[in-house]
PDB file of N, CA and C in Angstrom:
ATOM      1  N   MET A   1      89.119 129.384  91.228  1.00  0.00           N
ATOM      2  CA  MET A   1      90.031 129.340  92.261  1.00  0.00           C
ATOM      3  C   MET A   1      89.762 128.109  93.210  1.00  0.00           C
ATOM      4  N   ARG A   2      88.635 127.611  93.351  1.00  0.00           N
ATOM      5  CA  ARG A   2      88.178 126.373  94.101  1.00  0.00           C
ATOM      6  C   ARG A   2      88.768 125.217  93.415  1.00  0.00           C
ATOM      7  N   GLU A   3      88.700 125.058  92.131  1.00  0.00           N
ATOM      8  CA  GLU A   3      89.310 124.105  91.404  1.00  0.00           C
ATOM      9  C   GLU A   3      90.624 123.900  91.588  1.00  0.00           C
ATOM     10  N   ASN A   4      91.521 125.017  91.414  1.00  0.00           N
ATOM     11  CA  ASN A   4      92.953 124.990  91.677  1.00  0.00           C
ATOM     12  C   ASN A   4      93.133 124.526  93.044  1.00  0.00           C
ATOM     13  N   GLU A   5      92.383 124.954  94.070  1.00  0.00           N
ATOM     14  CA  GLU A   5      92.686 124.367  95.492  1.00  0.00           C
ATOM     15  C   GLU A   5      92.416 122.934  95.666  1.00  0.00           C
ATOM     16  N   ALA A   6      91.449 122.548  94.956  1.00  0.00           N
ATOM     17  CA  ALA A   6      91.005 121.155  95.006  1.00  0.00           C
ATOM     18  C   ALA A   6      92.092 120.334  94.433  1.00  0.00           C
ATOM     19  N   SER A   7      92.692 120.541  93.305  1.00  0.00           N
ATOM     20  CA  SER A   7      93.712 120.125  92.454  1.00  0.00           C
ATOM     21  C   SER A   7      94.922 120.191  93.292  1.00  0.00           C
ATOM     22  N   PHE A   8      95.262 121.037  93.938  1.00  0.00           N
ATOM     23  CA  PHE A   8      96.320 121.294  94.737  1.00  0.00           C
ATOM     24  C   PHE A   8      96.383 120.302  95.762  1.00  0.00           C
ATOM     25  N   LEU A   9      95.275 120.074  96.715  1.00  0.00           N
ATOM     26  CA  LEU A   9      95.146 119.394  97.778  1.00  0.00           C
ATOM     27  C   LEU A   9      95.205 117.925  97.343  1.00  0.00           C
ATOM     28  N   SER A  10      94.691 117.606  96.260  1.00  0.00           N
ATOM     29  CA  SER A  10      94.594 116.177  95.830  1.00  0.00           C
ATOM     30  C   SER A  10      95.842 115.803  95.474  1.00  0.00           C
ATOM     31  N   ASP A  11      96.764 116.804  94.846  1.00  0.00           N
ATOM     32  CA  ASP A  11      98.123 116.487  94.400  1.00  0.00           C
ATOM     33  C   ASP A  11      99.010 116.136  95.791  1.00  0.00           C
ATOM     34  N   ARG A  12      98.890 117.117  96.691  1.00  0.00           N
ATOM     35  CA  ARG A  12      99.426 117.013  97.810  1.00  0.00           C
ATOM     36  C   ARG A  12      99.077 115.615  98.671  1.00  0.00           C
ATOM     37  N   ILE A  13      98.018 115.041  98.714  1.00  0.00           N
ATOM     38  CA  ILE A  13      97.612 113.783  99.293  1.00  0.00           C
ATOM     39  C   ILE A  13      98.310 112.728  98.482  1.00  0.00           C
ATOM     40  N   LEU A  14      98.071 112.824  97.203  1.00  0.00           N
ATOM     41  CA  LEU A  14      98.800 111.880  96.378  1.00  0.00           C
ATOM     42  C   LEU A  14     100.326 111.747  96.686  1.00  0.00           C
ATOM     43  N   GLU A  15     100.984 113.083  96.795  1.00  0.00           N
ATOM     44  CA  GLU A  15     102.408 113.012  97.056  1.00  0.00           C
ATOM     45  C   GLU A  15     102.936 112.465  98.360  1.00  0.00           C
ATOM     46  N   ARG A  16     102.046 112.780  99.453  1.00  0.00           N
ATOM     47  CA  ARG A  16     102.300 112.244 100.670  1.00  0.00           C
ATOM     48  C   ARG A  16     102.201 110.659 100.689  1.00  0.00           C
ATOM     49  N   GLU A  17     101.073 110.142 100.143  1.00  0.00           N
ATOM     50  CA  GLU A  17     100.991 108.667 100.151  1.00  0.00           C
ATOM     51  C   GLU A  17     102.040 107.971  99.176  1.00  0.00           C
ATOM     52  N   THR A  18     102.598 108.688  98.282  1.00  0.00           N
ATOM     53  CA  THR A  18     103.499 108.081  97.366  1.00  0.00           C
ATOM     54  C   THR A  18     104.825 108.026  98.248  1.00  0.00           C
ATOM     55  N   MET A  19     105.126 109.258  98.997  1.00  0.00           N
ATOM     56  CA  MET A  19     106.232 109.238  99.796  1.00  0.00           C
ATOM     57  C   MET A  19     106.423 108.417 100.971  1.00  0.00           C
ATOM     58  N   ARG A  20     105.140 108.158 101.600  1.00  0.00           N
ATOM     59  CA  ARG A  20     105.082 107.214 102.618  1.00  0.00           C
ATOM     60  C   ARG A  20     105.498 105.852 102.150  1.00  0.00           C
ATOM     61  N   SER A  21     104.862 105.413 100.949  1.00  0.00           N
ATOM     62  CA  SER A  21     105.069 104.120 100.425  1.00  0.00           C
ATOM     63  C   SER A  21     106.465 104.070 100.084  1.00  0.00           C
ATOM     64  N   HIS A  22     107.092 104.843  99.398  1.00  0.00           N
ATOM     65  CA  HIS A  22     108.625 104.720  98.947  1.00  0.00           C
ATOM     66  C   HIS A  22     109.428 104.786 100.209  1.00  0.00           C
ATOM     67  N   GLU A  23     109.142 105.631 101.219  1.00  0.00           N
ATOM     68  CA  GLU A  23     110.141 105.641 102.492  1.00  0.00           C
ATOM     69  C   GLU A  23     109.975 104.469 103.239  1.00  0.00           C
ATOM     70  N   ALA A  24     108.935 103.662 103.188  1.00  0.00           N
ATOM     71  CA  ALA A  24     108.764 102.281 103.761  1.00  0.00           C
ATOM     72  C   ALA A  24     109.386 101.328 103.099  1.00  0.00           C
ATOM     73  N   ARG A  25     109.330 101.478 101.695  1.00  0.00           N
ATOM     74  CA  ARG A  25     110.364 100.452 100.913  1.00  0.00           C
ATOM     75  C   ARG A  25     111.857 100.683 101.225  1.00  0.00           C
ATOM     76  N   ILE A  26     112.297 102.001 101.412  1.00  0.00           N
ATOM     77  CA  ILE A  26     113.642 102.362 101.504  1.00  0.00           C
ATOM     78  C   ILE A  26     113.938 101.821 102.935  1.00  0.00           C
ATOM     79  N   LYS A  27     113.158 102.010 103.871  1.00  0.00           N
ATOM     80  CA  LYS A  27     113.519 101.714 105.213  1.00  0.00           C
ATOM     81  C   LYS A  27     113.658 100.192 105.243  1.00  0.00           C
ATOM     82  N   MET A  28     112.742  99.376 104.723  1.00  0.00           N
ATOM     83  CA  MET A  28     112.904  98.004 104.760  1.00  0.00           C
ATOM     84  C   MET A  28     114.213  97.521 104.097  1.00  0.00           C
ATOM     85  N   ALA A  29     114.520  98.197 102.759  1.00  0.00           N
ATOM     86  CA  ALA A  29     115.731  97.880 102.164  1.00  0.00           C
ATOM     87  C   ALA A  29     116.910  98.204 102.734  1.00  0.00           C
ATOM     88  N   SER A  30     116.900  99.286 103.583  1.00  0.00           N
ATOM     89  CA  SER A  30     118.130  99.790 104.235  1.00  0.00           C
ATOM     90  C   SER A  30     118.475  99.038 105.519  1.00  0.00           C
ATOM     91  N   GLY A  31     117.512  98.161 105.888  1.00  0.00           N
ATOM     92  CA  GLY A  31     117.673  97.333 107.187  1.00  0.00           C
ATOM     93  C   GLY A  31     119.051  96.812 107.400  1.00  0.00           C
ATOM     94  N   VAL A  32     119.254  96.314 108.732  1.00  0.00           N
ATOM     95  CA  VAL A  32     120.585  95.705 108.942  1.00  0.00           C
ATOM     96  C   VAL A  32     120.971  94.616 108.007  1.00  0.00           C
ATOM     97  N   ASP A  33     120.011  93.761 107.896  1.00  0.00           N
ATOM     98  CA  ASP A  33     120.033  92.430 107.044  1.00  0.00           C
ATOM     99  C   ASP A  33     120.045  92.565 105.664  1.00  0.00           C
ATOM    100  N   GLN A  34     119.645  93.768 105.004  1.00  0.00           N
ATOM    101  CA  GLN A  34     119.496  94.076 103.747  1.00  0.00           C
ATOM    102  C   GLN A  34     120.892  94.893 103.163  1.00  0.00           C
ATOM    103  N   SER A  35     121.127  94.518 101.918  1.00  0.00           N
ATOM    104  CA  SER A  35     122.193  95.356 101.286  1.00  0.00           C
ATOM    105  C   SER A  35     121.948  96.751 100.778  1.00  0.00           C
ATOM    106  N   ARG A  36     122.939  97.476 100.712  1.00  0.00           N
ATOM    107  CA  ARG A  36     122.854  98.937 100.222  1.00  0.00           C
ATOM    108  C   ARG A  36     122.110  98.873  98.629  1.00  0.00           C
ATOM    109  N   ALA A  37     122.592  97.892  98.154  1.00  0.00           N
ATOM    110  CA  ALA A  37     122.028  97.698  96.790  1.00  0.00           C
ATOM    111  C   ALA A  37     120.607  97.692  96.614  1.00  0.00           C
ATOM    112  N   GLU A  38     120.056  97.042  97.564  1.00  0.00           N
ATOM    113  CA  GLU A  38     118.499  97.066  97.545  1.00  0.00           C
ATOM    114  C   GLU A  38     118.003  98.372  98.020  1.00  0.00           C
ATOM    115  N   ALA A  39     118.672  99.131  98.871  1.00  0.00           N
ATOM    116  CA  ALA A  39     118.242 100.490  99.100  1.00  0.00           C
ATOM    117  C   ALA A  39     118.326 101.373  97.758  1.00  0.00           C
ATOM    118  N   CYS A  40     119.389 101.308  97.154  1.00  0.00           N
ATOM    119  CA  CYS A  40     119.614 101.970  95.697  1.00  0.00           C
ATOM    120  C   CYS A  40     118.478 101.596  94.962  1.00  0.00           C
ATOM    121  N   GLU A  41     118.302 100.247  94.911  1.00  0.00           N
ATOM    122  CA  GLU A  41     117.073  99.778  93.879  1.00  0.00           C
ATOM    123  C   GLU A  41     115.595 100.487  94.326  1.00  0.00           C
ATOM    124  N   ALA A  42     115.547 100.555  95.469  1.00  0.00           N
ATOM    125  CA  ALA A  42     114.348 101.293  95.923  1.00  0.00           C
ATOM    126  C   ALA A  42     114.371 102.686  95.645  1.00  0.00           C
ATOM    127  N   LEU A  43     115.395 103.306  95.795  1.00  0.00           N
ATOM    128  CA  LEU A  43     115.668 104.894  95.405  1.00  0.00           C
ATOM    129  C   LEU A  43     115.339 105.006  93.931  1.00  0.00           C
ATOM    130  N   GLY A  44     115.933 104.203  93.272  1.00  0.00           N
ATOM    131  CA  GLY A  44     115.778 104.108  91.784  1.00  0.00           C
ATOM    132  C   GLY A  44     114.465 104.067  91.214  1.00  0.00           C
ATOM    133  N   TYR A  45     113.827 103.262  91.897  1.00  0.00           N
ATOM    134  CA  TYR A  45     112.310 102.994  91.595  1.00  0.00           C
ATOM    135  C   TYR A  45     111.656 104.431  91.934  1.00  0.00           C
ATOM    136  N   GLN A  46     111.844 104.922  93.121  1.00  0.00           N
ATOM    137  CA  GLN A  46     111.232 106.046  93.417  1.00  0.00           C
ATOM    138  C   GLN A  46     111.341 107.295  92.365  1.00  0.00           C
ATOM    139  N   ALA A  47     112.890 107.353  91.922  1.00  0.00           N
ATOM    140  CA  ALA A  47     113.149 108.417  91.100  1.00  0.00           C
ATOM    141  C   ALA A  47     112.491 108.223  89.897  1.00  0.00           C
ATOM    142  N   ARG A  48     112.276 106.919  89.295  1.00  0.00           N
ATOM    143  CA  ARG A  48     111.716 106.730  88.053  1.00  0.00           C
ATOM    144  C   ARG A  48     110.214 107.144  88.080  1.00  0.00           C
ATOM    145  N   SER A  49     109.599 106.944  89.412  1.00  0.00           N
ATOM    146  CA  SER A  49     108.231 107.248  89.526  1.00  0.00           C
ATOM    147  C   SER A  49     108.041 108.763  89.511  1.00  0.00           C
ATOM    148  N   VAL A  50     108.846 109.397  90.089  1.00  0.00           N
ATOM    149  CA  VAL A  50     108.784 110.985  90.028  1.00  0.00           C
ATOM    150  C   VAL A  50     109.000 111.378  88.716  1.00  0.00           C
ATOM    151  N   ASP A  51     109.963 110.727  87.978  1.00  0.00           N
ATOM    152  CA  ASP A  51     110.130 111.462  86.634  1.00  0.00           C
ATOM    153  C   ASP A  51     109.045 111.136  85.739  1.00  0.00           C
ATOM    154  N   ALA A  52     108.347 109.944  86.011  1.00  0.00           N
ATOM    155  CA  ALA A  52     107.086 109.561  85.218  1.00  0.00           C
ATOM    156  C   ALA A  52     106.087 110.626  85.462  1.00  0.00           C
ATOM    157  N   ALA A  53     105.814 110.903  86.668  1.00  0.00           N
ATOM    158  CA  ALA A  53     104.741 111.922  87.153  1.00  0.00           C
ATOM    159  C   ALA A  53     105.169 113.197  86.647  1.00  0.00           C
ATOM    160  N   MET A  54     106.402 113.735  86.462  1.00  0.00           N
ATOM    161  CA  MET A  54     106.760 114.928  85.883  1.00  0.00           C
ATOM    162  C   MET A  54     106.481 115.179  84.374  1.00  0.00           C
ATOM    163  N   GLU A  55     106.477 113.983  83.708  1.00  0.00           N
ATOM    164  CA  GLU A  55     106.052 114.121  82.417  1.00  0.00           C
ATOM    165  C   GLU A  55     104.668 114.278  82.180  1.00  0.00           C
ATOM    166  N   GLN A  56     103.872 114.090  82.958  1.00  0.00           N
ATOM    167  CA  GLN A  56     102.382 114.275  83.008  1.00  0.00           C
ATOM    168  C   GLN A  56     102.110 115.736  83.049  1.00  0.00           C
ATOM    169  N   PRO A  57     100.974 116.204  82.498  1.00  0.00           N
ATOM    170  CA  PRO A  57     100.518 117.626  82.836  1.00  0.00           C
ATOM    171  C   PRO A  57     100.283 117.891  84.113  1.00  0.00           C
ATOM    172  N   ASN A  58     100.988 118.761  84.873  1.00  0.00           N
ATOM    173  CA  ASN A  58     100.632 119.190  86.219  1.00  0.00           C
ATOM    174  C   ASN A  58     100.509 120.687  86.411  1.00  0.00           C
ATOM    175  N   ASP A  59      99.813 120.960  87.466  1.00  0.00           N
ATOM    176  CA  ASP A  59      99.709 122.334  87.811  1.00  0.00           C
ATOM    177  C   ASP A  59     101.201 122.922  88.510  1.00  0.00           C
ATOM    178  N   PRO A  60     101.446 124.056  88.663  1.00  0.00           N
ATOM    179  CA  PRO A  60     102.570 124.503  89.226  1.00  0.00           C
ATOM    180  C   PRO A  60     102.833 124.073  90.434  1.00  0.00           C
ATOM    181  N   HIS A  61     101.898 123.907  91.305  1.00  0.00           N
ATOM    182  CA  HIS A  61     102.195 123.287  92.762  1.00  0.00           C
ATOM    183  C   HIS A  61     102.621 121.881  92.735  1.00  0.00           C
ATOM    184  N   ALA A  62     102.020 121.154  91.784  1.00  0.00           N
ATOM    185  CA  ALA A  62     102.327 119.658  91.801  1.00  0.00           C
ATOM    186  C   ALA A  62     103.787 119.681  91.247  1.00  0.00           C
ATOM    187  N   LEU A  63     104.235 120.487  90.237  1.00  0.00           N
ATOM    188  CA  LEU A  63     105.508 120.330  89.746  1.00  0.00           C
ATOM    189  C   LEU A  63     106.573 120.751  90.809  1.00  0.00           C
ATOM    190  N   ASN A  64     106.218 121.862  91.560  1.00  0.00           N
ATOM    191  CA  ASN A  64     107.287 122.110  92.711  1.00  0.00           C
ATOM    192  C   ASN A  64     107.097 121.085  93.552  1.00  0.00           C
ATOM    193  N   ALA A  65     106.329 120.241  93.887  1.00  0.00           N
ATOM    194  CA  ALA A  65     106.319 119.229  94.960  1.00  0.00           C
ATOM    195  C   ALA A  65     106.925 118.088  94.393  1.00  0.00           C
ATOM    196  N   LEU A  66     106.770 117.969  93.144  1.00  0.00           N
ATOM    197  CA  LEU A  66     107.635 116.759  92.266  1.00  0.00           C
ATOM    198  C   LEU A  66     109.128 117.104  92.320  1.00  0.00           C
ATOM    199  N   ARG A  67     109.418 118.364  91.972  1.00  0.00           N
ATOM    200  CA  ARG A  67     110.943 118.798  92.042  1.00  0.00           C
ATOM    201  C   ARG A  67     111.511 118.634  93.476  1.00  0.00           C
ATOM    202  N   LYS A  68     110.748 118.889  94.398  1.00  0.00           N
ATOM    203  CA  LYS A  68     111.303 118.720  95.802  1.00  0.00           C
ATOM    204  C   LYS A  68     111.449 117.505  96.086  1.00  0.00           C
ATOM    205  N   LEU A  69     110.686 116.261  95.807  1.00  0.00           N
ATOM    206  CA  LEU A  69     110.882 114.998  95.766  1.00  0.00           C
ATOM    207  C   LEU A  69     111.992 114.465  95.151  1.00  0.00           C
ATOM    208  N   GLN A  70     112.120 114.986  93.876  1.00  0.00           N
ATOM    209  CA  GLN A  70     113.266 114.836  93.053  1.00  0.00           C
ATOM    210  C   GLN A  70     114.533 115.059  93.656  1.00  0.00           C
ATOM    211  N   ARG A  71     114.675 116.242  94.268  1.00  0.00           N
ATOM    212  CA  ARG A  71     115.870 116.644  94.941  1.00  0.00           C
ATOM    213  C   ARG A  71     116.109 115.870  96.090  1.00  0.00           C
ATOM    214  N   ASN A  72     115.034 115.538  96.892  1.00  0.00           N
ATOM    215  CA  ASN A  72     115.375 114.795  98.104  1.00  0.00           C
ATOM    216  C   ASN A  72     115.690 113.367  97.789  1.00  0.00           C
ATOM    217  N   ILE A  73     115.378 112.564  96.612  1.00  0.00           N
ATOM    218  CA  ILE A  73     115.757 111.401  96.186  1.00  0.00           C
ATOM    219  C   ILE A  73     117.202 111.468  95.872  1.00  0.00           C
ATOM    220  N   ARG A  74     117.659 112.358  95.187  1.00  0.00           N
ATOM    221  CA  ARG A  74     118.967 112.584  94.618  1.00  0.00           C
ATOM    222  C   ARG A  74     119.849 112.682  95.844  1.00  0.00           C
ATOM    223  N   GLU A  75     119.531 113.483  96.795  1.00  0.00           N
ATOM    224  CA  GLU A  75     120.327 113.687  98.017  1.00  0.00           C
ATOM    225  C   GLU A  75     120.533 112.351  98.689  1.00  0.00           C
ATOM    226  N   GLU A  76     119.338 111.511  98.913  1.00  0.00           N
ATOM    227  CA  GLU A  76     119.348 110.081  99.416  1.00  0.00           C
ATOM    228  C   GLU A  76     120.316 109.243  98.727  1.00  0.00           C
ATOM    229  N   GLN A  77     120.125 109.280  97.363  1.00  0.00           N
ATOM    230  CA  GLN A  77     121.048 108.501  96.594  1.00  0.00           C
ATOM    231  C   GLN A  77     122.510 108.803  96.666  1.00  0.00           C
ATOM    232  N   GLN A  78     122.782 109.978  96.936  1.00  0.00           N
ATOM    233  CA  GLN A  78     124.152 110.377  97.306  1.00  0.00           C
ATOM    234  C   GLN A  78     124.810 110.010  98.699  1.00  0.00           C
ATOM    235  N   ARG A  79     123.697 110.050  99.701  1.00  0.00           N
ATOM    236  CA  ARG A  79     124.066 109.407 101.003  1.00  0.00           C
ATOM    237  C   ARG A  79     124.388 108.056 100.954  1.00  0.00           C
ATOM    238  N   ASN A  80     123.803 107.343 100.171  1.00  0.00           N
ATOM    239  CA  ASN A  80     123.925 105.870  99.951  1.00  0.00           C
ATOM    240  C   ASN A  80     124.841 105.565  98.901  1.00  0.00           C
ATOM    241  N   ASP A  81     125.547 106.423  98.491  1.00  0.00           N
ATOM    242  CA  ASP A  81     126.526 106.198  97.235  1.00  0.00           C
ATOM    243  C   ASP A  81     125.903 105.198  96.195  1.00  0.00           C
ATOM    244  N   CYS A  82     124.738 105.620  95.708  1.00  0.00           N
ATOM    245  CA  CYS A  82     124.048 104.796  94.711  1.00  0.00           C
ATOM    246  C   CYS A  82     124.485 105.397  93.350  1.00  0.00           C
TER     247      CYS A  82
END
């Protein structure tokens, strides 16, 4: 049980760090002086990162977190007409 908890917690930490990094890129890319194409490029990079992570062996908690990230990215891409 402890191993699963540790794995889950480490996955959550990695997920948060990844999201912060990508959110920072998206915010920078979607600034007033930046074009929507740059925001879409950042979202595309984020989507590819999540897709690559989903191809790796993951526990159920990590997969659920990755699916949530994937859904959020798609919604943001739709909002930005990417």
